[in-house]
N, C-alpha and C. Protein backbone atom coordinates (compact mmCIF):
# COMPACT_ATOMS: atom_id res chain seq x y z
N SER A 1 -15.57 -15.14 -2.46
CA SER A 1 -14.25 -14.30 -1.66
C SER A 1 -13.16 -14.13 -1.69
N LEU A 2 -12.66 -12.69 -1.94
CA LEU A 2 -11.33 -12.65 -1.89
C LEU A 2 -10.71 -12.24 -0.08
N SER A 3 -11.50 -12.35 0.29
CA SER A 3 -11.24 -11.40 2.21
C SER A 3 -10.09 -12.21 2.53
N LYS A 4 -9.98 -14.00 2.35
CA LYS A 4 -9.30 -15.06 3.10
C LYS A 4 -7.87 -14.34 2.20
N TYR A 5 -7.78 -14.27 1.62
CA TYR A 5 -5.88 -14.13 0.60
C TYR A 5 -6.00 -12.55 0.77
N VAL A 6 -6.61 -11.42 0.48
CA VAL A 6 -6.12 -10.50 1.33
C VAL A 6 -5.90 -10.61 2.66
N ALA A 7 -6.67 -11.28 3.36
CA ALA A 7 -5.62 -11.27 5.15
C ALA A 7 -4.98 -11.89 5.25
N GLU A 8 -4.62 -13.00 4.09
CA GLU A 8 -3.37 -13.73 3.85
C GLU A 8 -1.63 -12.82 4.04
N VAL A 9 -2.44 -11.56 3.28
CA VAL A 9 -1.00 -10.89 2.29
C VAL A 9 -0.93 -9.85 3.49
N ILE A 10 -1.79 -9.27 3.60
CA ILE A 10 -2.22 -8.61 5.39
C ILE A 10 -1.18 -8.91 5.96
N LYS A 11 -1.22 -10.48 6.69
CA LYS A 11 -0.86 -10.94 7.58
C LYS A 11 0.57 -11.03 7.53
N ILE A 12 1.48 -11.14 6.35
CA ILE A 12 2.76 -10.97 6.01
C ILE A 12 3.27 -9.75 5.92
N PHE A 13 2.69 -8.37 5.32
CA PHE A 13 2.71 -6.98 5.29
C PHE A 13 2.95 -6.98 7.22
N GLU A 14 1.74 -7.25 7.75
CA GLU A 14 1.90 -6.87 9.15
C GLU A 14 3.16 -7.37 10.07
N GLU A 15 3.73 -8.87 9.44
CA GLU A 15 4.61 -9.18 10.55
C GLU A 15 5.58 -8.86 9.85
N ALA A 16 6.41 -8.69 8.59
CA ALA A 16 7.23 -8.11 8.16
C ALA A 16 7.74 -6.11 8.65
N GLY A 17 6.30 -5.98 9.60
CA GLY A 17 6.37 -4.46 10.09
C GLY A 17 6.99 -3.62 9.22
N LEU A 18 5.46 -4.06 8.06
CA LEU A 18 5.33 -2.41 6.76
C LEU A 18 4.11 -2.01 7.36
N ASN A 19 4.14 -0.34 7.00
CA ASN A 19 3.25 0.66 6.99
C ASN A 19 2.40 0.05 5.98
N TYR A 20 0.99 -0.15 6.07
CA TYR A 20 0.12 -0.13 4.82
C TYR A 20 -1.32 0.34 5.39
N GLU A 21 -1.81 0.57 4.66
CA GLU A 21 -3.17 0.62 4.23
C GLU A 21 -3.88 0.01 2.89
N LEU A 22 -5.43 -0.85 3.93
CA LEU A 22 -5.76 -1.86 3.16
C LEU A 22 -7.09 -0.90 2.29
N ASN A 23 -7.40 -0.50 1.47
CA ASN A 23 -8.77 0.55 0.58
C ASN A 23 -9.22 -0.73 -0.08
N PRO A 24 -9.93 -0.36 -0.23
CA PRO A 24 -11.56 -0.83 -1.54
C PRO A 24 -11.04 -1.34 -2.83
N MET A 25 -9.64 -1.03 -2.73
CA MET A 25 -9.65 -1.61 -4.10
C MET A 25 -8.14 -2.28 -4.19
N GLY A 26 -7.08 -1.80 -3.22
CA GLY A 26 -6.32 -2.86 -3.21
C GLY A 26 -5.36 -2.17 -1.73
N THR A 27 -3.97 -2.16 -2.14
CA THR A 27 -3.67 -1.97 -0.28
C THR A 27 -2.08 -1.44 -0.46
N VAL A 28 -1.54 -0.08 0.15
CA VAL A 28 -0.50 0.77 -0.15
C VAL A 28 0.41 0.53 1.02
N ILE A 29 1.48 0.42 0.77
CA ILE A 29 2.61 -0.08 1.00
C ILE A 29 3.72 1.06 1.48
N GLU A 30 4.17 1.14 2.25
CA GLU A 30 4.96 1.89 2.86
C GLU A 30 6.93 1.03 3.23
N GLY A 31 7.93 1.50 3.01
CA GLY A 31 8.95 1.14 3.22
C GLY A 31 9.99 1.36 1.87
N GLU A 32 11.38 0.89 2.33
CA GLU A 32 12.57 1.25 1.92
C GLU A 32 12.87 -0.30 0.38
N TRP A 33 13.12 0.03 -0.19
CA TRP A 33 13.16 -0.73 -1.54
C TRP A 33 13.41 -2.30 -0.28
N ASP A 34 14.54 -2.57 -0.25
CA ASP A 34 15.03 -4.33 -0.29
C ASP A 34 14.16 -3.86 1.47
N GLN A 35 13.43 -3.16 1.90
CA GLN A 35 12.78 -4.51 2.54
C GLN A 35 11.08 -4.15 1.84
N ILE A 36 11.06 -3.98 0.85
CA ILE A 36 9.52 -4.00 0.23
C ILE A 36 9.23 -5.37 -0.30
N MET A 37 10.81 -5.21 -1.35
CA MET A 37 10.69 -6.14 -1.99
C MET A 37 10.33 -7.77 -1.82
N PRO A 38 11.51 -7.72 -1.38
CA PRO A 38 11.34 -9.51 -0.88
C PRO A 38 9.66 -9.59 -0.24
N VAL A 39 8.86 -9.01 0.62
CA VAL A 39 7.73 -8.94 1.58
C VAL A 39 6.81 -9.23 -0.09
N ILE A 40 6.40 -8.42 -1.21
CA ILE A 40 6.09 -8.52 -1.74
C ILE A 40 6.06 -10.32 -2.35
N LYS A 41 7.27 -10.30 -3.27
CA LYS A 41 7.59 -11.95 -3.33
C LYS A 41 6.90 -13.17 -2.20
N LYS A 42 7.12 -12.45 -0.84
CA LYS A 42 6.89 -13.33 -0.09
C LYS A 42 5.20 -13.59 -0.44
N ALA A 43 4.37 -12.91 -0.38
CA ALA A 43 2.98 -12.17 -0.49
C ALA A 43 2.24 -12.52 -1.69
N HIS A 44 2.68 -12.81 -2.74
CA HIS A 44 2.76 -13.08 -3.88
C HIS A 44 3.33 -14.74 -4.00
N GLU A 45 3.50 -16.00 -3.56
CA GLU A 45 3.96 -16.90 -3.40
C GLU A 45 3.21 -17.59 -2.27
N ARG A 46 2.62 -16.88 -1.39
CA ARG A 46 1.77 -17.18 -0.30
C ARG A 46 0.24 -17.86 -1.42
N LEU A 47 0.26 -17.35 -1.66
CA LEU A 47 -1.07 -17.12 -2.86
C LEU A 47 -1.21 -18.75 -3.42
N PHE A 48 0.39 -18.60 -3.97
CA PHE A 48 0.00 -20.06 -4.86
C PHE A 48 0.45 -21.50 -3.60
N GLU A 49 1.01 -20.57 -2.94
CA GLU A 49 0.76 -22.08 -1.96
C GLU A 49 -0.63 -22.53 -0.68
N LEU A 50 -1.06 -21.20 -0.73
CA LEU A 50 -2.92 -21.55 -0.53
C LEU A 50 -3.93 -22.25 -1.37
N GLY A 51 -3.05 -22.86 -2.82
CA GLY A 51 -3.98 -23.00 -3.84
C GLY A 51 -4.82 -22.36 -4.95
N VAL A 52 -4.25 -21.07 -5.61
CA VAL A 52 -4.50 -20.08 -5.99
C VAL A 52 -3.52 -20.81 -7.39
N THR A 53 -4.37 -20.87 -8.50
CA THR A 53 -3.76 -21.46 -9.37
C THR A 53 -3.30 -20.32 -10.31
N ARG A 54 -3.82 -18.60 -10.93
CA ARG A 54 -3.64 -18.20 -10.59
C ARG A 54 -3.34 -16.37 -10.48
N VAL A 55 -2.42 -15.42 -10.02
CA VAL A 55 -2.14 -13.76 -9.48
C VAL A 55 -1.84 -13.87 -10.26
N SER A 56 -2.67 -11.82 -9.89
CA SER A 56 -2.28 -10.72 -10.78
C SER A 56 -1.52 -9.81 -9.26
N THR A 57 0.00 -9.70 -9.32
CA THR A 57 0.15 -8.68 -8.98
C THR A 57 0.81 -7.69 -9.32
N LEU A 58 -0.21 -5.96 -8.89
CA LEU A 58 0.21 -5.21 -9.31
C LEU A 58 1.01 -4.18 -8.61
N ILE A 59 2.09 -3.65 -8.91
CA ILE A 59 2.90 -2.81 -8.08
C ILE A 59 2.82 -1.66 -9.05
N LYS A 60 2.72 -0.55 -7.84
CA LYS A 60 2.87 0.78 -8.44
C LYS A 60 3.87 1.61 -7.45
N ILE A 61 4.75 2.00 -8.20
CA ILE A 61 6.13 2.34 -7.29
C ILE A 61 6.01 4.05 -7.71
N ASP A 62 6.36 4.87 -6.27
CA ASP A 62 6.65 5.98 -6.51
C ASP A 62 7.21 6.35 -5.32
N ASP A 63 8.57 6.85 -6.49
CA ASP A 63 10.05 6.90 -5.49
C ASP A 63 10.50 7.79 -5.99
N ARG A 64 10.54 9.36 -4.33
CA ARG A 64 11.10 9.76 -4.03
C ARG A 64 11.99 10.81 -3.45
N ARG A 65 13.41 10.57 -4.23
CA ARG A 65 14.43 10.86 -3.30
C ARG A 65 14.74 12.21 -2.80
N ASP A 66 14.10 13.45 -3.03
CA ASP A 66 14.45 14.70 -2.72
C ASP A 66 14.09 14.50 -1.29
N LYS A 67 13.26 14.41 -0.65
CA LYS A 67 12.59 14.69 0.54
C LYS A 67 11.87 13.14 0.81
N LYS A 68 11.30 13.11 2.55
CA LYS A 68 10.72 11.61 2.70
C LYS A 68 8.80 11.50 2.58
N VAL A 69 8.39 11.74 1.94
CA VAL A 69 7.67 11.87 1.68
C VAL A 69 6.19 10.56 2.55
N ARG A 70 5.45 10.66 3.20
CA ARG A 70 4.32 9.94 3.66
C ARG A 70 3.73 9.59 2.79
N LYS A 71 2.68 8.41 3.04
CA LYS A 71 1.39 8.41 2.08
C LYS A 71 0.47 10.08 2.97
N GLU A 72 0.79 9.59 4.02
CA GLU A 72 -0.42 10.40 4.91
C GLU A 72 0.03 12.36 4.92
N ASP A 73 1.13 12.47 4.72
CA ASP A 73 1.40 13.80 3.89
C ASP A 73 0.75 13.81 2.32
N LYS A 74 0.36 13.52 1.77
CA LYS A 74 0.14 13.42 0.55
C LYS A 74 -1.08 13.42 0.48
N VAL A 75 -1.85 13.44 1.24
CA VAL A 75 -3.56 13.07 1.25
C VAL A 75 -4.03 14.38 2.06
N GLU A 76 -2.55 15.04 3.25
CA GLU A 76 -3.14 16.05 3.59
C GLU A 76 -3.36 17.29 2.76
N SER A 77 -2.17 17.26 2.46
CA SER A 77 -1.90 18.56 1.05
C SER A 77 -2.76 18.32 0.08
N VAL A 78 -3.31 17.07 -0.37
CA VAL A 78 -4.97 17.50 -1.05
C VAL A 78 -5.49 18.31 0.35
N ARG A 79 -6.20 18.03 1.37
CA ARG A 79 -7.30 17.80 1.42
C ARG A 79 -7.03 19.64 2.16
N ARG A 80 -5.93 20.09 2.64
CA ARG A 80 -5.55 21.42 3.39
C ARG A 80 -5.15 22.20 1.85
N VAL A 81 -5.10 21.79 0.76
CA VAL A 81 -5.52 22.36 -0.80
C VAL A 81 -7.40 22.66 -0.60
N LEU A 82 -8.25 21.51 -0.05
CA LEU A 82 -9.44 21.88 -0.39
C LEU A 82 -9.78 22.57 0.88
N ARG A 83 -9.55 23.02 1.85
CA ARG A 83 -9.43 23.92 2.87
C ARG A 83 -9.34 25.35 1.84
N GLU A 84 -8.66 25.14 1.61
CA GLU A 84 -8.19 26.48 1.49
C GLU A 84 -9.03 27.21 0.09
N MET A 85 -9.45 26.03 -0.41
CA MET A 85 -10.32 26.58 -1.90
C MET A 85 -12.28 27.12 -1.64
N TYR A 86 -12.45 26.03 0.14
CA TYR A 86 -13.37 26.26 0.83
C TYR A 86 -13.55 27.36 1.41
N SER A 87 -12.48 28.42 1.94
CA SER A 87 -12.61 29.20 3.14
C SER A 87 -12.24 30.85 1.54
N GLN A 88 -12.34 30.92 0.27
CA GLN A 88 -11.41 31.60 -0.76
C GLN A 88 -13.36 31.80 -0.69
N GLU A 89 -13.67 30.60 -1.23
CA GLU A 89 -14.97 30.64 -1.38
C GLU A 89 -16.22 31.68 -0.75
N LYS A 90 -16.35 31.69 1.17
CA LYS A 90 -16.63 32.15 1.76
C LYS A 90 -16.77 34.24 1.45
């Protein structure tokens, strides 16, 4: 099980004060570039400190600069569209 390693990484995110959301396929984190990148590096390195011999860190960056959008806003936008779609069916 990888749960103990995921928990170690989540602990690092929490200690750094990052806004994060754990899901079955990964973890979404939010914050400014200079805040997030050192924390990702720390989490990556922590796994080696725990004796892991191979670590794969996948980083997907969504960098929007014209306005501030949080992960919750994106989800709510989809839910709003769904509500509109279902209300039109009635």
